[in-house]
Amino acid sequence: MASVNKVLLLGNLGRDPEVRATPKGTQVLTFPIATTRRWTDRETDEMRDQTDWHRIVVWGRQAEVLSEYLKKGSQVHVEGRLQTRSWTGNDGGKRYTTEI
């Protein structure tokens, strides 16, 4: 059986990207982007917005290059795959995050 894990987003950066390096020196860039859906409420005839936030992670040379160009508010087109990670928090509770 075939399956596909592909995400396409067009949105705006919520803050400046953060760059860090792994112990082996690989660059990792992370940033949040916001995507907003706008519609007219049928009952009140008012414009409504719904904003979703997405955590983006970029690795390697691409992370190095993008860190020079991306700034808070920049519009970006992102293609990637969804990945959910889990870890144990300081309080002993299980934590989850979904990244692209």
PDB file of N, CA and C in Angstrom:
ATOM      1  N   MET A   1       0.839  -1.173   0.000  1.00  0.00           N
ATOM      2  CA  MET A   1       0.000   0.000   0.000  1.00  0.00           C
ATOM      3  C   MET A   1       0.889   1.243   0.000  1.00  0.00           C
ATOM      4  N   ALA A   2       0.603   2.188  -0.855  1.00  0.00           N
ATOM      5  CA  ALA A   2       1.375   3.430  -0.941  1.00  0.00           C
ATOM      6  C   ALA A   2       0.857   4.443   0.067  1.00  0.00           C
ATOM      7  N   SER A   3       1.745   5.321   0.502  1.00  0.00           N
ATOM      8  CA  SER A   3       1.333   6.402   1.391  1.00  0.00           C
ATOM      9  C   SER A   3       2.172   7.629   1.079  1.00  0.00           C
ATOM     10  N   VAL A   4       1.654   8.788   1.447  1.00  0.00           N
ATOM     11  CA  VAL A   4       2.329  10.054   1.185  1.00  0.00           C
ATOM     12  C   VAL A   4       2.278  10.907   2.441  1.00  0.00           C
ATOM     13  N   ASN A   5       3.402  11.517   2.796  1.00  0.00           N
ATOM     14  CA  ASN A   5       3.477  12.454   3.912  1.00  0.00           C
ATOM     15  C   ASN A   5       4.102  13.723   3.346  1.00  0.00           C
ATOM     16  N   LYS A   6       3.263  14.626   2.834  1.00  0.00           N
ATOM     17  CA  LYS A   6       3.757  15.850   2.201  1.00  0.00           C
ATOM     18  C   LYS A   6       2.901  17.023   2.639  1.00  0.00           C
ATOM     19  N   VAL A   7       3.576  18.134   2.980  1.00  0.00           N
ATOM     20  CA  VAL A   7       2.902  19.337   3.436  1.00  0.00           C
ATOM     21  C   VAL A   7       3.353  20.504   2.570  1.00  0.00           C
ATOM     22  N   LEU A   8       2.421  21.340   2.149  1.00  0.00           N
ATOM     23  CA  LEU A   8       2.711  22.578   1.427  1.00  0.00           C
ATOM     24  C   LEU A   8       2.087  23.719   2.215  1.00  0.00           C
ATOM     25  N   LEU A   9       2.899  24.705   2.599  1.00  0.00           N
ATOM     26  CA  LEU A   9       2.393  25.849   3.354  1.00  0.00           C
ATOM     27  C   LEU A   9       2.893  27.144   2.736  1.00  0.00           C
ATOM     28  N   LEU A  10       2.065  28.161   2.760  1.00  0.00           N
ATOM     29  CA  LEU A  10       2.448  29.511   2.396  1.00  0.00           C
ATOM     30  C   LEU A  10       2.010  30.390   3.547  1.00  0.00           C
ATOM     31  N   GLY A  11       2.970  31.006   4.213  1.00  0.00           N
ATOM     32  CA  GLY A  11       2.641  31.802   5.388  1.00  0.00           C
ATOM     33  C   GLY A  11       3.730  32.804   5.692  1.00  0.00           C
ATOM     34  N   ASN A  12       3.639  33.401   6.890  1.00  0.00           N
ATOM     35  CA  ASN A  12       4.590  34.424   7.309  1.00  0.00           C
ATOM     36  C   ASN A  12       5.301  34.001   8.584  1.00  0.00           C
ATOM     37  N   LEU A  13       6.602  34.350   8.651  1.00  0.00           N
ATOM     38  CA  LEU A  13       7.384  34.031   9.843  1.00  0.00           C
ATOM     39  C   LEU A  13       6.866  34.816  11.036  1.00  0.00           C
ATOM     40  N   GLY A  14       6.715  34.115  12.158  1.00  0.00           N
ATOM     41  CA  GLY A  14       6.235  34.746  13.386  1.00  0.00           C
ATOM     42  C   GLY A  14       7.353  35.391  14.191  1.00  0.00           C
ATOM     43  N   ARG A  15       8.594  34.994  13.957  1.00  0.00           N
ATOM     44  CA  ARG A  15       9.765  35.591  14.620  1.00  0.00           C
ATOM     45  C   ARG A  15      10.998  35.270  13.783  1.00  0.00           C
ATOM     46  N   ASP A  16      12.116  35.917  14.104  1.00  0.00           N
ATOM     47  CA  ASP A  16      13.355  35.622  13.397  1.00  0.00           C
ATOM     48  C   ASP A  16      13.732  34.158  13.624  1.00  0.00           C
ATOM     49  N   PRO A  17      14.286  33.505  12.608  1.00  0.00           N
ATOM     50  CA  PRO A  17      14.692  32.105  12.758  1.00  0.00           C
ATOM     51  C   PRO A  17      15.808  31.949  13.795  1.00  0.00           C
ATOM     52  N   GLU A  18      15.835  30.788  14.432  1.00  0.00           N
ATOM     53  CA  GLU A  18      16.887  30.457  15.390  1.00  0.00           C
ATOM     54  C   GLU A  18      17.809  29.429  14.743  1.00  0.00           C
ATOM     55  N   VAL A  19      19.118  29.700  14.792  1.00  0.00           N
ATOM     56  CA  VAL A  19      20.106  28.798  14.213  1.00  0.00           C
ATOM     57  C   VAL A  19      20.910  28.182  15.347  1.00  0.00           C
ATOM     58  N   ARG A  20      21.121  26.885  15.264  1.00  0.00           N
ATOM     59  CA  ARG A  20      21.988  26.193  16.222  1.00  0.00           C
ATOM     60  C   ARG A  20      22.731  25.117  15.461  1.00  0.00           C
ATOM     61  N   ALA A  21      23.679  24.501  16.126  1.00  0.00           N
ATOM     62  CA  ALA A  21      24.458  23.441  15.493  1.00  0.00           C
ATOM     63  C   ALA A  21      24.412  22.192  16.359  1.00  0.00           C
ATOM     64  N   THR A  22      24.392  21.036  15.716  1.00  0.00           N
ATOM     65  CA  THR A  22      24.459  19.770  16.438  1.00  0.00           C
ATOM     66  C   THR A  22      25.900  19.588  16.924  1.00  0.00           C
ATOM     67  N   PRO A  23      26.143  18.633  17.828  1.00  0.00           N
ATOM     68  CA  PRO A  23      27.519  18.376  18.273  1.00  0.00           C
ATOM     69  C   PRO A  23      28.483  18.064  17.132  1.00  0.00           C
ATOM     70  N   LYS A  24      27.987  17.523  16.024  1.00  0.00           N
ATOM     71  CA  LYS A  24      28.846  17.221  14.871  1.00  0.00           C
ATOM     72  C   LYS A  24      28.987  18.408  13.918  1.00  0.00           C
ATOM     73  N   GLY A  25      28.333  19.546  14.240  1.00  0.00           N
ATOM     74  CA  GLY A  25      28.472  20.755  13.440  1.00  0.00           C
ATOM     75  C   GLY A  25      27.414  20.988  12.392  1.00  0.00           C
ATOM     76  N   THR A  26      26.415  20.130  12.289  1.00  0.00           N
ATOM     77  CA  THR A  26      25.336  20.320  11.322  1.00  0.00           C
ATOM     78  C   THR A  26      24.449  21.479  11.775  1.00  0.00           C
ATOM     79  N   GLN A  27      24.190  22.413  10.872  1.00  0.00           N
ATOM     80  CA  GLN A  27      23.333  23.560  11.180  1.00  0.00           C
ATOM     81  C   GLN A  27      21.864  23.135  11.196  1.00  0.00           C
ATOM     82  N   VAL A  28      21.114  23.678  12.169  1.00  0.00           N
ATOM     83  CA  VAL A  28      19.677  23.428  12.283  1.00  0.00           C
ATOM     84  C   VAL A  28      18.988  24.779  12.441  1.00  0.00           C
ATOM     85  N   LEU A  29      18.016  25.057  11.591  1.00  0.00           N
ATOM     86  CA  LEU A  29      17.272  26.306  11.609  1.00  0.00           C
ATOM     87  C   LEU A  29      15.835  25.995  11.989  1.00  0.00           C
ATOM     88  N   THR A  30      15.276  26.724  12.951  1.00  0.00           N
ATOM     89  CA  THR A  30      13.872  26.537  13.329  1.00  0.00           C
ATOM     90  C   THR A  30      13.168  27.884  13.312  1.00  0.00           C
ATOM     91  N   PHE A  31      11.912  27.856  12.912  1.00  0.00           N
ATOM     92  CA  PHE A  31      11.103  29.072  12.931  1.00  0.00           C
ATOM     93  C   PHE A  31       9.628  28.698  12.847  1.00  0.00           C
ATOM     94  N   PRO A  32       8.768  29.554  13.406  1.00  0.00           N
ATOM     95  CA  PRO A  32       7.326  29.322  13.275  1.00  0.00           C
ATOM     96  C   PRO A  32       6.762  30.130  12.109  1.00  0.00           C
ATOM     97  N   ILE A  33       5.822  29.543  11.399  1.00  0.00           N
ATOM     98  CA  ILE A  33       5.097  30.331  10.402  1.00  0.00           C
ATOM     99  C   ILE A  33       3.608  30.263  10.715  1.00  0.00           C
ATOM    100  N   ALA A  34       2.941  31.348  10.356  1.00  0.00           N
ATOM    101  CA  ALA A  34       1.497  31.458  10.566  1.00  0.00           C
ATOM    102  C   ALA A  34       0.796  31.367   9.225  1.00  0.00           C
ATOM    103  N   THR A  35      -0.259  30.574   9.181  1.00  0.00           N
ATOM    104  CA  THR A  35      -1.137  30.544   8.023  1.00  0.00           C
ATOM    105  C   THR A  35      -2.509  30.994   8.502  1.00  0.00           C
ATOM    106  N   THR A  36      -3.151  31.855   7.727  1.00  0.00           N
ATOM    107  CA  THR A  36      -4.429  32.431   8.155  1.00  0.00           C
ATOM    108  C   THR A  36      -5.499  32.159   7.117  1.00  0.00           C
ATOM    109  N   ARG A  37      -6.638  31.706   7.611  1.00  0.00           N
ATOM    110  CA  ARG A  37      -7.819  31.475   6.766  1.00  0.00           C
ATOM    111  C   ARG A  37      -8.810  32.584   7.080  1.00  0.00           C
ATOM    112  N   ARG A  38      -9.357  33.214   6.057  1.00  0.00           N
ATOM    113  CA  ARG A  38     -10.296  34.320   6.249  1.00  0.00           C
ATOM    114  C   ARG A  38     -11.612  33.995   5.545  1.00  0.00           C
ATOM    115  N   TRP A  39     -12.716  34.260   6.231  1.00  0.00           N
ATOM    116  CA  TRP A  39     -14.031  34.007   5.660  1.00  0.00           C
ATOM    117  C   TRP A  39     -15.047  34.972   6.255  1.00  0.00           C
ATOM    118  N   THR A  40     -16.222  35.048   5.640  1.00  0.00           N
ATOM    119  CA  THR A  40     -17.316  35.877   6.142  1.00  0.00           C
ATOM    120  C   THR A  40     -18.282  34.993   6.904  1.00  0.00           C
ATOM    121  N   ASP A  41     -18.559  35.371   8.142  1.00  0.00           N
ATOM    122  CA  ASP A  41     -19.508  34.646   8.989  1.00  0.00           C
ATOM    123  C   ASP A  41     -20.907  34.850   8.427  1.00  0.00           C
ATOM    124  N   ARG A  42     -21.612  33.766   8.133  1.00  0.00           N
ATOM    125  CA  ARG A  42     -22.935  33.859   7.511  1.00  0.00           C
ATOM    126  C   ARG A  42     -23.983  34.451   8.445  1.00  0.00           C
ATOM    127  N   GLU A  43     -23.831  34.238   9.744  1.00  0.00           N
ATOM    128  CA  GLU A  43     -24.834  34.735  10.701  1.00  0.00           C
ATOM    129  C   GLU A  43     -24.672  36.221  10.998  1.00  0.00           C
ATOM    130  N   THR A  44     -23.428  36.678  11.145  1.00  0.00           N
ATOM    131  CA  THR A  44     -23.188  38.078  11.528  1.00  0.00           C
ATOM    132  C   THR A  44     -22.717  38.937  10.367  1.00  0.00           C
ATOM    133  N   ASP A  45     -22.380  38.322   9.235  1.00  0.00           N
ATOM    134  CA  ASP A  45     -21.852  39.007   8.060  1.00  0.00           C
ATOM    135  C   ASP A  45     -20.538  39.733   8.354  1.00  0.00           C
ATOM    136  N   GLU A  46     -19.797  39.272   9.377  1.00  0.00           N
ATOM    137  CA  GLU A  46     -18.505  39.853   9.730  1.00  0.00           C
ATOM    138  C   GLU A  46     -17.376  38.976   9.185  1.00  0.00           C
ATOM    139  N   MET A  47     -16.237  39.617   8.918  1.00  0.00           N
ATOM    140  CA  MET A  47     -15.053  38.874   8.493  1.00  0.00           C
ATOM    141  C   MET A  47     -14.457  38.160   9.700  1.00  0.00           C
ATOM    142  N   ARG A  48     -14.087  36.909   9.518  1.00  0.00           N
ATOM    143  CA  ARG A  48     -13.462  36.101  10.574  1.00  0.00           C
ATOM    144  C   ARG A  48     -12.097  35.630  10.098  1.00  0.00           C
ATOM    145  N   ASP A  49     -11.182  35.468  11.037  1.00  0.00           N
ATOM    146  CA  ASP A  49      -9.852  34.945  10.762  1.00  0.00           C
ATOM    147  C   ASP A  49      -9.577  33.772  11.681  1.00  0.00           C
ATOM    148  N   GLN A  50      -8.855  32.808  11.174  1.00  0.00           N
ATOM    149  CA  GLN A  50      -8.347  31.714  11.998  1.00  0.00           C
ATOM    150  C   GLN A  50      -6.887  31.506  11.608  1.00  0.00           C
ATOM    151  N   THR A  51      -5.988  31.698  12.572  1.00  0.00           N
ATOM    152  CA  THR A  51      -4.562  31.554  12.323  1.00  0.00           C
ATOM    153  C   THR A  51      -4.052  30.279  12.956  1.00  0.00           C
ATOM    154  N   ASP A  52      -3.310  29.496  12.175  1.00  0.00           N
ATOM    155  CA  ASP A  52      -2.660  28.284  12.674  1.00  0.00           C
ATOM    156  C   ASP A  52      -1.156  28.517  12.628  1.00  0.00           C
ATOM    157  N   TRP A  53      -0.451  27.994  13.652  1.00  0.00           N
ATOM    158  CA  TRP A  53       1.000  28.122  13.742  1.00  0.00           C
ATOM    159  C   TRP A  53       1.652  26.783  13.468  1.00  0.00           C
ATOM    160  N   HIS A  54       2.753  26.808  12.713  1.00  0.00           N
ATOM    161  CA  HIS A  54       3.460  25.602  12.310  1.00  0.00           C
ATOM    162  C   HIS A  54       4.941  25.763  12.638  1.00  0.00           C
ATOM    163  N   ARG A  55       5.536  24.737  13.224  1.00  0.00           N
ATOM    164  CA  ARG A  55       6.958  24.761  13.561  1.00  0.00           C
ATOM    165  C   ARG A  55       7.736  24.133  12.410  1.00  0.00           C
ATOM    166  N   ILE A  56       8.700  24.878  11.865  1.00  0.00           N
ATOM    167  CA  ILE A  56       9.476  24.441  10.713  1.00  0.00           C
ATOM    168  C   ILE A  56      10.907  24.167  11.163  1.00  0.00           C
ATOM    169  N   VAL A  57      11.483  23.056  10.689  1.00  0.00           N
ATOM    170  CA  VAL A  57      12.875  22.697  10.996  1.00  0.00           C
ATOM    171  C   VAL A  57      13.590  22.429   9.675  1.00  0.00           C
ATOM    172  N   VAL A  58      14.740  23.100   9.486  1.00  0.00           N
ATOM    173  CA  VAL A  58      15.534  22.961   8.261  1.00  0.00           C
ATOM    174  C   VAL A  58      16.948  22.556   8.665  1.00  0.00           C
ATOM    175  N   TRP A  59      17.539  21.606   7.938  1.00  0.00           N
ATOM    176  CA  TRP A  59      18.840  21.049   8.285  1.00  0.00           C
ATOM    177  C   TRP A  59      19.898  21.360   7.238  1.00  0.00           C
ATOM    178  N   GLY A  60      21.160  21.358   7.667  1.00  0.00           N
ATOM    179  CA  GLY A  60      22.310  21.382   6.773  1.00  0.00           C
ATOM    180  C   GLY A  60      22.537  22.698   6.063  1.00  0.00           C
ATOM    181  N   ARG A  61      23.048  22.571   4.844  1.00  0.00           N
ATOM    182  CA  ARG A  61      23.414  23.750   4.050  1.00  0.00           C
ATOM    183  C   ARG A  61      22.211  24.655   3.803  1.00  0.00           C
ATOM    184  N   GLN A  62      21.058  24.059   3.594  1.00  0.00           N
ATOM    185  CA  GLN A  62      19.852  24.855   3.366  1.00  0.00           C
ATOM    186  C   GLN A  62      19.553  25.732   4.585  1.00  0.00           C
ATOM    187  N   ALA A  63      19.804  25.220   5.784  1.00  0.00           N
ATOM    188  CA  ALA A  63      19.604  26.006   7.007  1.00  0.00           C
ATOM    189  C   ALA A  63      20.546  27.201   7.035  1.00  0.00           C
ATOM    190  N   GLU A  64      21.787  26.991   6.640  1.00  0.00           N
ATOM    191  CA  GLU A  64      22.770  28.080   6.619  1.00  0.00           C
ATOM    192  C   GLU A  64      22.339  29.191   5.663  1.00  0.00           C
ATOM    193  N   VAL A  65      21.915  28.810   4.472  1.00  0.00           N
ATOM    194  CA  VAL A  65      21.525  29.792   3.456  1.00  0.00           C
ATOM    195  C   VAL A  65      20.267  30.548   3.892  1.00  0.00           C
ATOM    196  N   LEU A  66      19.257  29.828   4.339  1.00  0.00           N
ATOM    197  CA  LEU A  66      18.008  30.477   4.717  1.00  0.00           C
ATOM    198  C   LEU A  66      18.170  31.418   5.904  1.00  0.00           C
ATOM    199  N   SER A  67      19.091  31.103   6.815  1.00  0.00           N
ATOM    200  CA  SER A  67      19.286  31.960   7.994  1.00  0.00           C
ATOM    201  C   SER A  67      19.736  33.360   7.603  1.00  0.00           C
ATOM    202  N   GLU A  68      20.342  33.503   6.422  1.00  0.00           N
ATOM    203  CA  GLU A  68      20.800  34.808   5.953  1.00  0.00           C
ATOM    204  C   GLU A  68      19.661  35.642   5.356  1.00  0.00           C
ATOM    205  N   TYR A  69      18.592  35.006   4.903  1.00  0.00           N
ATOM    206  CA  TYR A  69      17.541  35.702   4.176  1.00  0.00           C
ATOM    207  C   TYR A  69      16.227  35.863   4.931  1.00  0.00           C
ATOM    208  N   LEU A  70      15.904  34.946   5.818  1.00  0.00           N
ATOM    209  CA  LEU A  70      14.598  34.981   6.474  1.00  0.00           C
ATOM    210  C   LEU A  70      14.603  35.892   7.701  1.00  0.00           C
ATOM    211  N   LYS A  71      13.559  36.684   7.829  1.00  0.00           N
ATOM    212  CA  LYS A  71      13.367  37.576   8.970  1.00  0.00           C
ATOM    213  C   LYS A  71      11.897  37.530   9.377  1.00  0.00           C
ATOM    214  N   LYS A  72      11.625  37.962  10.598  1.00  0.00           N
ATOM    215  CA  LYS A  72      10.243  38.011  11.076  1.00  0.00           C
ATOM    216  C   LYS A  72       9.378  38.755  10.060  1.00  0.00           C
ATOM    217  N   GLY A  73       8.224  38.186   9.732  1.00  0.00           N
ATOM    218  CA  GLY A  73       7.306  38.791   8.775  1.00  0.00           C
ATOM    219  C   GLY A  73       7.501  38.341   7.343  1.00  0.00           C
ATOM    220  N   SER A  74       8.645  37.711   7.032  1.00  0.00           N
ATOM    221  CA  SER A  74       8.893  37.243   5.665  1.00  0.00           C
ATOM    222  C   SER A  74       7.828  36.240   5.246  1.00  0.00           C
ATOM    223  N   GLN A  75       7.396  36.339   3.996  1.00  0.00           N
ATOM    224  CA  GLN A  75       6.475  35.341   3.470  1.00  0.00           C
ATOM    225  C   GLN A  75       7.307  34.189   2.917  1.00  0.00           C
ATOM    226  N   VAL A  76       6.934  32.959   3.291  1.00  0.00           N
ATOM    227  CA  VAL A  76       7.684  31.785   2.852  1.00  0.00           C
ATOM    228  C   VAL A  76       6.748  30.709   2.332  1.00  0.00           C
ATOM    229  N   HIS A  77       7.279  29.941   1.396  1.00  0.00           N
ATOM    230  CA  HIS A  77       6.604  28.754   0.887  1.00  0.00           C
ATOM    231  C   HIS A  77       7.413  27.567   1.397  1.00  0.00           C
ATOM    232  N   VAL A  78       6.779  26.668   2.115  1.00  0.00           N
ATOM    233  CA  VAL A  78       7.468  25.534   2.722  1.00  0.00           C
ATOM    234  C   VAL A  78       6.891  24.242   2.178  1.00  0.00           C
ATOM    235  N   GLU A  79       7.766  23.335   1.771  1.00  0.00           N
ATOM    236  CA  GLU A  79       7.370  21.978   1.400  1.00  0.00           C
ATOM    237  C   GLU A  79       8.151  21.034   2.277  1.00  0.00           C
ATOM    238  N   GLY A  80       7.471  20.059   2.848  1.00  0.00           N
ATOM    239  CA  GLY A  80       8.160  19.108   3.706  1.00  0.00           C
ATOM    240  C   GLY A  80       7.237  17.987   4.117  1.00  0.00           C
ATOM    241  N   ARG A  81       7.610  17.340   5.222  1.00  0.00           N
ATOM    242  CA  ARG A  81       6.798  16.242   5.743  1.00  0.00           C
ATOM    243  C   ARG A  81       6.518  16.479   7.213  1.00  0.00           C
ATOM    244  N   LEU A  82       5.393  15.974   7.676  1.00  0.00           N
ATOM    245  CA  LEU A  82       5.047  16.062   9.091  1.00  0.00           C
ATOM    246  C   LEU A  82       5.830  15.027   9.878  1.00  0.00           C
ATOM    247  N   GLN A  83       6.332  15.444  11.020  1.00  0.00           N
ATOM    248  CA  GLN A  83       7.002  14.517  11.922  1.00  0.00           C
ATOM    249  C   GLN A  83       6.640  14.905  13.349  1.00  0.00           C
ATOM    250  N   THR A  84       6.200  13.945  14.136  1.00  0.00           N
ATOM    251  CA  THR A  84       5.860  14.185  15.534  1.00  0.00           C
ATOM    252  C   THR A  84       6.929  13.569  16.415  1.00  0.00           C
ATOM    253  N   ARG A  85       7.460  14.388  17.327  1.00  0.00           N
ATOM    254  CA  ARG A  85       8.463  13.923  18.294  1.00  0.00           C
ATOM    255  C   ARG A  85       7.839  13.926  19.678  1.00  0.00           C
ATOM    256  N   SER A  86       8.363  13.079  20.551  1.00  0.00           N
ATOM    257  CA  SER A  86       7.901  13.071  21.936  1.00  0.00           C
ATOM    258  C   SER A  86       9.111  13.043  22.868  1.00  0.00           C
ATOM    259  N   TRP A  87       8.925  13.562  24.067  1.00  0.00           N
ATOM    260  CA  TRP A  87       9.958  13.556  25.100  1.00  0.00           C
ATOM    261  C   TRP A  87       9.289  13.670  26.452  1.00  0.00           C
ATOM    262  N   THR A  88      10.057  13.429  27.502  1.00  0.00           N
ATOM    263  CA  THR A  88       9.547  13.542  28.865  1.00  0.00           C
ATOM    264  C   THR A  88       9.950  14.896  29.421  1.00  0.00           C
ATOM    265  N   GLY A  89       8.972  15.680  29.870  1.00  0.00           N
ATOM    266  CA  GLY A  89       9.220  17.007  30.410  1.00  0.00           C
ATOM    267  C   GLY A  89       9.823  16.950  31.802  1.00  0.00           C
ATOM    268  N   ASN A  90      10.206  18.116  32.319  1.00  0.00           N
ATOM    269  CA  ASN A  90      10.791  18.210  33.661  1.00  0.00           C
ATOM    270  C   ASN A  90       9.848  17.708  34.746  1.00  0.00           C
ATOM    271  N   ASP A  91       8.561  17.819  34.506  1.00  0.00           N
ATOM    272  CA  ASP A  91       7.574  17.356  35.491  1.00  0.00           C
ATOM    273  C   ASP A  91       7.254  15.868  35.337  1.00  0.00           C
ATOM    274  N   GLY A  92       7.936  15.190  34.434  1.00  0.00           N
ATOM    275  CA  GLY A  92       7.723  13.766  34.218  1.00  0.00           C
ATOM    276  C   GLY A  92       6.620  13.450  33.228  1.00  0.00           C
ATOM    277  N   GLY A  93       5.920  14.471  32.722  1.00  0.00           N
ATOM    278  CA  GLY A  93       4.839  14.257  31.770  1.00  0.00           C
ATOM    279  C   GLY A  93       5.344  14.114  30.343  1.00  0.00           C
ATOM    280  N   LYS A  94       4.617  13.381  29.564  1.00  0.00           N
ATOM    281  CA  LYS A  94       4.960  13.160  28.157  1.00  0.00           C
ATOM    282  C   LYS A  94       4.585  14.413  27.353  1.00  0.00           C
ATOM    283  N   ARG A  95       5.490  14.894  26.511  1.00  0.00           N
ATOM    284  CA  ARG A  95       5.278  16.068  25.678  1.00  0.00           C
ATOM    285  C   ARG A  95       5.404  15.652  24.213  1.00  0.00           C
ATOM    286  N   TYR A  96       4.667  16.361  23.347  1.00  0.00           N
ATOM    287  CA  TYR A  96       4.688  16.078  21.923  1.00  0.00           C
ATOM    288  C   TYR A  96       4.793  17.382  21.134  1.00  0.00           C
ATOM    289  N   THR A  97       5.430  17.319  20.001  1.00  0.00           N
ATOM    290  CA  THR A  97       5.435  18.438  19.057  1.00  0.00           C
ATOM    291  C   THR A  97       5.407  17.880  17.653  1.00  0.00           C
ATOM    292  N   THR A  98       4.697  18.578  16.778  1.00  0.00           N
ATOM    293  CA  THR A  98       4.647  18.194  15.375  1.00  0.00           C
ATOM    294  C   THR A  98       5.382  19.258  14.579  1.00  0.00           C
ATOM    295  N   GLU A  99       6.305  18.809  13.734  1.00  0.00           N
ATOM    296  CA  GLU A  99       7.150  19.727  12.968  1.00  0.00           C
ATOM    297  C   GLU A  99       7.067  19.386  11.485  1.00  0.00           C
ATOM    298  N   ILE A 100       7.441  20.360  10.693  1.00  0.00           N
ATOM    299  CA  ILE A 100       7.539  20.166   9.245  1.00  0.00           C
ATOM    300  C   ILE A 100       8.988  20.366   8.868  1.00  0.00           C
TER     301      ILE A 100
END
